[in-house]
Structure formats: C-alpha cells, structure tokens
Amino acid sequence: MFASVLFDESCLLCGRYDSFSGTYALCRRCFSEIIFTVPETPACRVCSRGLISENEICMRCRKEEFSFGSNVSLGNYDGNLKKAIGLYKFRDRRKLARFFALMIYRFLKKNGGTGNILAVPAPCSRKRMKEKGYNHMGLVCRILRRKYSVQVFDGLKRYSGKQLKLLNREGRKKELTGKIYIPA
C-alpha cells in the first residue's frame, strides 16, 4: 500500500495495487475482466462487429468502400476496456500506453508473430498535438518498437479539422477524406 501512495502505481480503475498495476496502470483483476475478441468468432472483416448470417462483411459495411482489406478489434468496447480507453485518450493517463502496447503485442504473438507487421499510428492534427503534447497511438507504437521489436512507420501527418469524437461514422469518414498525407 505504501508503494502505491508513494509512486502512484495503483490501478487506475479500482485503486488496488499489485505488481501488474505498477507497470501497466491496471491491476490483474481489472485486466482479467476485459473481454478480448476471439479471432475465430465470425466477425466483419471491416468493422469487427459480430456477424449473424452475413458472410465476411456485415450489412452496414457492404454499402461502403474501404482502403484496407481487414480490421481486427482486440477487445469488446465496453466495461474496463472502454474505461481504460477513455482514461488514456481523454484524461491523459499516459501510463496506460504500456497496457495497450502489451495487449497489441500479445494479440500479434498469438496470431502469427510480429515479423510481418508494420504498425502505423493514426496521426493527430497539429492543433491536437499542440494541446496534448503527444500522439496517444504514437506513444503506444514507440513502446511496441522499443519493447517488443515491432516495426513502426510514424510518417503520416494530418491536416487540422474538426474533432472526430464529436462526429458520427459518416461525419468522421467525410472529415478525414484528403486530410491524411505523407510529407514530402
């Protein structure tokens, strides 16, 4: 208990301390309550939502075009995972970057390794970078590179625009069209 008060290493979700929370900002109990996506479960290859009777792509995603072949969600966006994402993105709890890097690494290791993976963090606008001082996914990718030897390309930039969290799916898609680029 003394260590958690002195070094602020208690779990960001429940306040308990264990050696896991000292490193990853979540205790083992809160971590174990996160429901990780099982890749074998039939899921849309675009949005990762569970499929009912569709084949590979859900009805919503069939109506659109995407510039990528597939997407995999690592966990269900609810409960402790949703809380941890909120703390990381909107409450500046940077220590959670280690937790997210560990989640991604474990997933990659379980599903074929990291040898043929290139992590590309989504870029923040210059305005957002100035406000926050860092790109939250860039930080996760730096940990993946340094600790787990995952290849990272951190060369994408984004023109300023509206905050995506304020927009719905269609608004986000429209807002990002033509906004992400590789500088010359």
C-alpha atoms as a PDB file:
ATOM      1  CA  MET A   1       0.000   0.000   0.000  1.00  0.00           C
ATOM      2  CA  PHE A   2       2.840   2.391   0.886  1.00  0.00           C
ATOM      3  CA  ALA A   3       4.387   1.911  -2.582  1.00  0.00           C
ATOM      4  CA  SER A   4       1.113   2.731  -4.344  1.00  0.00           C
ATOM      5  CA  VAL A   5       0.769   6.007  -2.410  1.00  0.00           C
ATOM      6  CA  LEU A   6       4.424   6.956  -2.803  1.00  0.00           C
ATOM      7  CA  PHE A   7       4.724   6.112  -6.510  1.00  0.00           C
ATOM      8  CA  ASP A   8       1.055   6.370  -7.607  1.00  0.00           C
ATOM      9  CA  GLU A   9       1.133   2.844  -9.009  1.00  0.00           C
ATOM     10  CA  SER A  10      -2.360   1.746  -8.073  1.00  0.00           C
ATOM     11  CA  CYS A  11      -4.875   0.543 -10.642  1.00  0.00           C
ATOM     12  CA  LEU A  12      -6.463   3.471 -12.460  1.00  0.00           C
ATOM     13  CA  LEU A  13      -9.830   1.692 -12.500  1.00  0.00           C
ATOM     14  CA  CYS A  14     -10.270   0.310  -8.969  1.00  0.00           C
ATOM     15  CA  GLY A  15      -7.419   1.808  -6.919  1.00  0.00           C
ATOM     16  CA  ARG A  16      -5.896  -1.551  -5.885  1.00  0.00           C
ATOM     17  CA  TYR A  17      -2.163  -2.092  -6.095  1.00  0.00           C
ATOM     18  CA  ASP A  18      -0.302  -5.122  -7.409  1.00  0.00           C
ATOM     19  CA  SER A  19       2.929  -5.504  -9.372  1.00  0.00           C
ATOM     20  CA  PHE A  20       0.961  -5.541 -12.649  1.00  0.00           C
ATOM     21  CA  SER A  21      -0.648  -2.162 -11.896  1.00  0.00           C
ATOM     22  CA  GLY A  22       2.777  -0.767 -11.082  1.00  0.00           C
ATOM     23  CA  THR A  23       3.821  -1.390 -14.674  1.00  0.00           C
ATOM     24  CA  TYR A  24       0.598  -1.343 -16.714  1.00  0.00           C
ATOM     25  CA  ALA A  25      -1.659   1.010 -14.687  1.00  0.00           C
ATOM     26  CA  LEU A  26      -4.332  -1.701 -14.305  1.00  0.00           C
ATOM     27  CA  CYS A  27      -4.357  -4.455 -11.693  1.00  0.00           C
ATOM     28  CA  ARG A  28      -4.557  -8.104 -12.744  1.00  0.00           C
ATOM     29  CA  ARG A  29      -8.201  -8.317 -11.660  1.00  0.00           C
ATOM     30  CA  CYS A  30      -9.350  -5.351 -13.786  1.00  0.00           C
ATOM     31  CA  PHE A  31      -7.223  -6.606 -16.688  1.00  0.00           C
ATOM     32  CA  SER A  32      -8.771 -10.092 -16.437  1.00  0.00           C
ATOM     33  CA  GLU A  33     -12.280  -8.597 -16.666  1.00  0.00           C
ATOM     34  CA  ILE A  34     -11.602  -7.259 -20.171  1.00  0.00           C
ATOM     35  CA  ILE A  35     -13.242  -9.439 -22.787  1.00  0.00           C
ATOM     36  CA  PHE A  36     -10.772  -9.921 -25.604  1.00  0.00           C
ATOM     37  CA  THR A  37     -12.040 -10.625 -29.099  1.00  0.00           C
ATOM     38  CA  VAL A  38     -11.531 -14.191 -30.227  1.00  0.00           C
ATOM     39  CA  PRO A  39     -10.424 -14.078 -33.898  1.00  0.00           C
ATOM     40  CA  GLU A  40     -12.231 -17.366 -34.687  1.00  0.00           C
ATOM     41  CA  THR A  41     -15.593 -15.763 -33.837  1.00  0.00           C
ATOM     42  CA  PRO A  42     -17.371 -14.806 -37.067  1.00  0.00           C
ATOM     43  CA  ALA A  43     -16.841 -11.055 -37.342  1.00  0.00           C
ATOM     44  CA  CYS A  44     -16.978  -8.448 -40.065  1.00  0.00           C
ATOM     45  CA  ARG A  45     -13.518  -8.083 -41.602  1.00  0.00           C
ATOM     46  CA  VAL A  46     -14.057  -4.321 -41.846  1.00  0.00           C
ATOM     47  CA  CYS A  47     -15.584  -3.227 -38.519  1.00  0.00           C
ATOM     48  CA  SER A  48     -15.080  -6.380 -36.371  1.00  0.00           C
ATOM     49  CA  ARG A  49     -18.726  -6.498 -35.272  1.00  0.00           C
ATOM     50  CA  GLY A  50     -20.101  -9.984 -34.849  1.00  0.00           C
ATOM     51  CA  LEU A  51     -21.774 -11.487 -37.889  1.00  0.00           C
ATOM     52  CA  ILE A  52     -25.185 -13.092 -37.627  1.00  0.00           C
ATOM     53  CA  SER A  53     -25.878 -14.595 -41.033  1.00  0.00           C
ATOM     54  CA  GLU A  54     -23.640 -12.453 -43.255  1.00  0.00           C
ATOM     55  CA  ASN A  55     -20.500 -13.766 -44.898  1.00  0.00           C
ATOM     56  CA  GLU A  56     -17.242 -11.845 -44.112  1.00  0.00           C
ATOM     57  CA  ILE A  57     -18.719  -8.327 -44.279  1.00  0.00           C
ATOM     58  CA  CYS A  58     -21.697  -7.016 -42.292  1.00  0.00           C
ATOM     59  CA  MET A  59     -24.657  -5.347 -43.994  1.00  0.00           C
ATOM     60  CA  ARG A  60     -23.556  -1.859 -42.882  1.00  0.00           C
ATOM     61  CA  CYS A  61     -20.023  -2.178 -44.271  1.00  0.00           C
ATOM     62  CA  ARG A  62     -21.162  -3.711 -47.587  1.00  0.00           C
ATOM     63  CA  LYS A  63     -22.618  -0.342 -48.547  1.00  0.00           C
ATOM     64  CA  GLU A  64     -19.232   1.420 -48.384  1.00  0.00           C
ATOM     65  CA  GLU A  65     -15.755   1.268 -49.883  1.00  0.00           C
ATOM     66  CA  PHE A  66     -12.654   0.991 -47.707  1.00  0.00           C
ATOM     67  CA  SER A  67      -8.979   1.480 -48.457  1.00  0.00           C
ATOM     68  CA  PHE A  68      -7.920  -1.501 -46.342  1.00  0.00           C
ATOM     69  CA  GLY A  69      -8.547  -5.224 -46.556  1.00  0.00           C
ATOM     70  CA  SER A  70      -9.396  -6.053 -42.987  1.00  0.00           C
ATOM     71  CA  ASN A  71      -9.562  -4.797 -39.423  1.00  0.00           C
ATOM     72  CA  VAL A  72      -9.359  -6.717 -36.163  1.00  0.00           C
ATOM     73  CA  SER A  73     -10.571  -5.370 -32.843  1.00  0.00           C
ATOM     74  CA  LEU A  74      -8.634  -6.650 -29.869  1.00  0.00           C
ATOM     75  CA  GLY A  75     -11.478  -6.450 -27.391  1.00  0.00           C
ATOM     76  CA  ASN A  76     -15.090  -5.585 -26.810  1.00  0.00           C
ATOM     77  CA  TYR A  77     -15.543  -1.823 -26.431  1.00  0.00           C
ATOM     78  CA  ASP A  78     -17.301  -1.981 -23.076  1.00  0.00           C
ATOM     79  CA  GLY A  79     -16.572  -2.357 -19.369  1.00  0.00           C
ATOM     80  CA  ASN A  80     -12.976  -1.976 -18.265  1.00  0.00           C
ATOM     81  CA  LEU A  81     -11.576  -1.656 -21.793  1.00  0.00           C
ATOM     82  CA  LYS A  82     -13.911   1.262 -22.568  1.00  0.00           C
ATOM     83  CA  LYS A  83     -12.952   2.916 -19.251  1.00  0.00           C
ATOM     84  CA  ALA A  84      -9.223   2.425 -19.920  1.00  0.00           C
ATOM     85  CA  ILE A  85      -9.513   3.886 -23.442  1.00  0.00           C
ATOM     86  CA  GLY A  86     -11.382   6.896 -22.052  1.00  0.00           C
ATOM     87  CA  LEU A  87      -8.755   7.485 -19.364  1.00  0.00           C
ATOM     88  CA  TYR A  88      -5.945   7.209 -21.885  1.00  0.00           C
ATOM     89  CA  LYS A  89      -7.422   9.346 -24.648  1.00  0.00           C
ATOM     90  CA  PHE A  90      -9.283  11.994 -22.673  1.00  0.00           C
ATOM     91  CA  ARG A  91      -7.756  12.074 -19.169  1.00  0.00           C
ATOM     92  CA  ASP A  92      -4.058  11.982 -20.135  1.00  0.00           C
ATOM     93  CA  ARG A  93      -3.242   8.750 -18.275  1.00  0.00           C
ATOM     94  CA  ARG A  94      -0.145   8.080 -20.396  1.00  0.00           C
ATOM     95  CA  LYS A  95       0.948   5.113 -18.295  1.00  0.00           C
ATOM     96  CA  LEU A  96      -1.860   3.132 -19.952  1.00  0.00           C
ATOM     97  CA  ALA A  97       0.194   3.187 -23.178  1.00  0.00           C
ATOM     98  CA  ARG A  98       2.170   0.248 -21.741  1.00  0.00           C
ATOM     99  CA  PHE A  99      -1.070  -1.681 -21.218  1.00  0.00           C
ATOM    100  CA  PHE A 100      -2.271  -1.059 -24.792  1.00  0.00           C
ATOM    101  CA  ALA A 101       1.140  -1.997 -26.224  1.00  0.00           C
ATOM    102  CA  LEU A 102       1.045  -5.240 -24.196  1.00  0.00           C
ATOM    103  CA  MET A 103      -2.476  -6.015 -25.480  1.00  0.00           C
ATOM    104  CA  ILE A 104      -1.420  -5.490 -29.086  1.00  0.00           C
ATOM    105  CA  TYR A 105       1.798  -7.475 -28.666  1.00  0.00           C
ATOM    106  CA  ARG A 106       0.008 -10.433 -27.042  1.00  0.00           C
ATOM    107  CA  PHE A 107      -2.531 -10.448 -29.854  1.00  0.00           C
ATOM    108  CA  LEU A 108       0.171 -10.347 -32.537  1.00  0.00           C
ATOM    109  CA  LYS A 109       2.211 -13.062 -30.839  1.00  0.00           C
ATOM    110  CA  LYS A 110      -0.852 -15.312 -30.538  1.00  0.00           C
ATOM    111  CA  ASN A 111      -1.791 -14.765 -34.179  1.00  0.00           C
ATOM    112  CA  GLY A 112       1.415 -15.314 -36.103  1.00  0.00           C
ATOM    113  CA  GLY A 113       4.025 -13.086 -34.528  1.00  0.00           C
ATOM    114  CA  THR A 114       5.313  -9.611 -35.237  1.00  0.00           C
ATOM    115  CA  GLY A 115       7.715 -10.298 -38.119  1.00  0.00           C
ATOM    116  CA  ASN A 116       5.455  -9.195 -40.965  1.00  0.00           C
ATOM    117  CA  ILE A 117       3.643  -6.413 -39.092  1.00  0.00           C
ATOM    118  CA  LEU A 118       4.075  -2.695 -39.687  1.00  0.00           C
ATOM    119  CA  ALA A 119       2.338  -0.546 -37.080  1.00  0.00           C
ATOM    120  CA  VAL A 120       1.202   2.832 -38.395  1.00  0.00           C
ATOM    121  CA  PRO A 121      -0.226   5.169 -35.761  1.00  0.00           C
ATOM    122  CA  ALA A 122      -3.144   7.342 -36.805  1.00  0.00           C
ATOM    123  CA  PRO A 123      -1.869  10.917 -36.939  1.00  0.00           C
ATOM    124  CA  CYS A 124      -3.197  13.758 -34.789  1.00  0.00           C
ATOM    125  CA  SER A 125      -3.755  17.199 -36.218  1.00  0.00           C
ATOM    126  CA  ARG A 126      -1.114  19.841 -35.405  1.00  0.00           C
ATOM    127  CA  LYS A 127      -3.643  21.594 -33.179  1.00  0.00           C
ATOM    128  CA  ARG A 128      -4.312  18.423 -31.176  1.00  0.00           C
ATOM    129  CA  MET A 129      -0.582  17.690 -30.880  1.00  0.00           C
ATOM    130  CA  LYS A 130      -0.031  21.199 -29.546  1.00  0.00           C
ATOM    131  CA  GLU A 131      -2.836  20.796 -26.982  1.00  0.00           C
ATOM    132  CA  LYS A 132      -1.859  17.312 -25.757  1.00  0.00           C
ATOM    133  CA  GLY A 133       1.872  17.323 -26.441  1.00  0.00           C
ATOM    134  CA  TYR A 134       1.866  13.783 -27.853  1.00  0.00           C
ATOM    135  CA  ASN A 135       0.007  11.405 -30.166  1.00  0.00           C
ATOM    136  CA  HIS A 136      -1.562   8.714 -27.976  1.00  0.00           C
ATOM    137  CA  MET A 137      -1.191   5.955 -30.597  1.00  0.00           C
ATOM    138  CA  GLY A 138       2.277   7.188 -31.499  1.00  0.00           C
ATOM    139  CA  LEU A 139       3.258   6.577 -27.868  1.00  0.00           C
ATOM    140  CA  VAL A 140       1.831   3.029 -27.972  1.00  0.00           C
ATOM    141  CA  CYS A 141       3.740   2.372 -31.200  1.00  0.00           C
ATOM    142  CA  ARG A 142       7.004   3.664 -29.702  1.00  0.00           C
ATOM    143  CA  ILE A 143       6.597   1.130 -26.869  1.00  0.00           C
ATOM    144  CA  LEU A 144       5.816  -1.615 -29.399  1.00  0.00           C
ATOM    145  CA  ARG A 145       9.021  -0.718 -31.268  1.00  0.00           C
ATOM    146  CA  ARG A 146      11.261  -0.376 -28.222  1.00  0.00           C
ATOM    147  CA  LYS A 147       9.993  -3.207 -26.014  1.00  0.00           C
ATOM    148  CA  TYR A 148       8.601  -5.734 -28.498  1.00  0.00           C
ATOM    149  CA  SER A 149      10.613  -5.035 -31.699  1.00  0.00           C
ATOM    150  CA  VAL A 150       7.536  -4.292 -33.818  1.00  0.00           C
ATOM    151  CA  GLN A 151       8.281  -2.312 -36.981  1.00  0.00           C
ATOM    152  CA  VAL A 152       6.697   1.162 -36.915  1.00  0.00           C
ATOM    153  CA  PHE A 153       6.143   3.779 -39.611  1.00  0.00           C
ATOM    154  CA  ASP A 154       5.422   7.095 -37.924  1.00  0.00           C
ATOM    155  CA  GLY A 155       5.387   9.259 -41.041  1.00  0.00           C
ATOM    156  CA  LEU A 156       1.719  10.114 -41.561  1.00  0.00           C
ATOM    157  CA  LYS A 157       0.511  13.655 -40.914  1.00  0.00           C
ATOM    158  CA  ARG A 158      -2.986  15.097 -40.719  1.00  0.00           C
ATOM    159  CA  TYR A 159      -4.303  18.490 -41.686  1.00  0.00           C
ATOM    160  CA  SER A 160      -6.284  20.248 -38.966  1.00  0.00           C
ATOM    161  CA  GLY A 161     -10.028  19.894 -38.927  1.00  0.00           C
ATOM    162  CA  LYS A 162     -12.940  19.022 -36.709  1.00  0.00           C
ATOM    163  CA  GLN A 163     -12.513  16.769 -33.685  1.00  0.00           C
ATOM    164  CA  LEU A 164     -13.547  13.283 -34.717  1.00  0.00           C
ATOM    165  CA  LYS A 165     -15.018  12.380 -31.325  1.00  0.00           C
ATOM    166  CA  LEU A 166     -17.780  14.919 -31.992  1.00  0.00           C
ATOM    167  CA  LEU A 167     -18.794  13.273 -35.284  1.00  0.00           C
ATOM    168  CA  ASN A 168     -20.756  10.180 -36.221  1.00  0.00           C
ATOM    169  CA  ARG A 169     -19.386   7.466 -38.519  1.00  0.00           C
ATOM    170  CA  GLU A 170     -20.361   9.268 -41.737  1.00  0.00           C
ATOM    171  CA  GLY A 171     -19.041  12.602 -40.429  1.00  0.00           C
ATOM    172  CA  ARG A 172     -15.691  11.035 -39.494  1.00  0.00           C
ATOM    173  CA  LYS A 173     -15.303   9.487 -42.901  1.00  0.00           C
ATOM    174  CA  LYS A 174     -16.085  12.794 -44.610  1.00  0.00           C
ATOM    175  CA  GLU A 175     -13.814  14.780 -42.275  1.00  0.00           C
ATOM    176  CA  LEU A 176     -10.802  12.522 -42.901  1.00  0.00           C
ATOM    177  CA  THR A 177     -11.124  12.418 -46.688  1.00  0.00           C
ATOM    178  CA  GLY A 178      -7.967  14.026 -48.073  1.00  0.00           C
ATOM    179  CA  LYS A 179      -6.682  15.031 -44.618  1.00  0.00           C
ATOM    180  CA  ILE A 180      -4.027  12.357 -44.023  1.00  0.00           C
ATOM    181  CA  TYR A 181      -0.795  12.556 -46.017  1.00  0.00           C
ATOM    182  CA  ILE A 182       2.896  11.629 -46.104  1.00  0.00           C
ATOM    183  CA  PRO A 183       5.031  14.810 -46.085  1.00  0.00           C
ATOM    184  CA  ALA A 184       7.466  15.254 -48.949  1.00  0.00           C
END
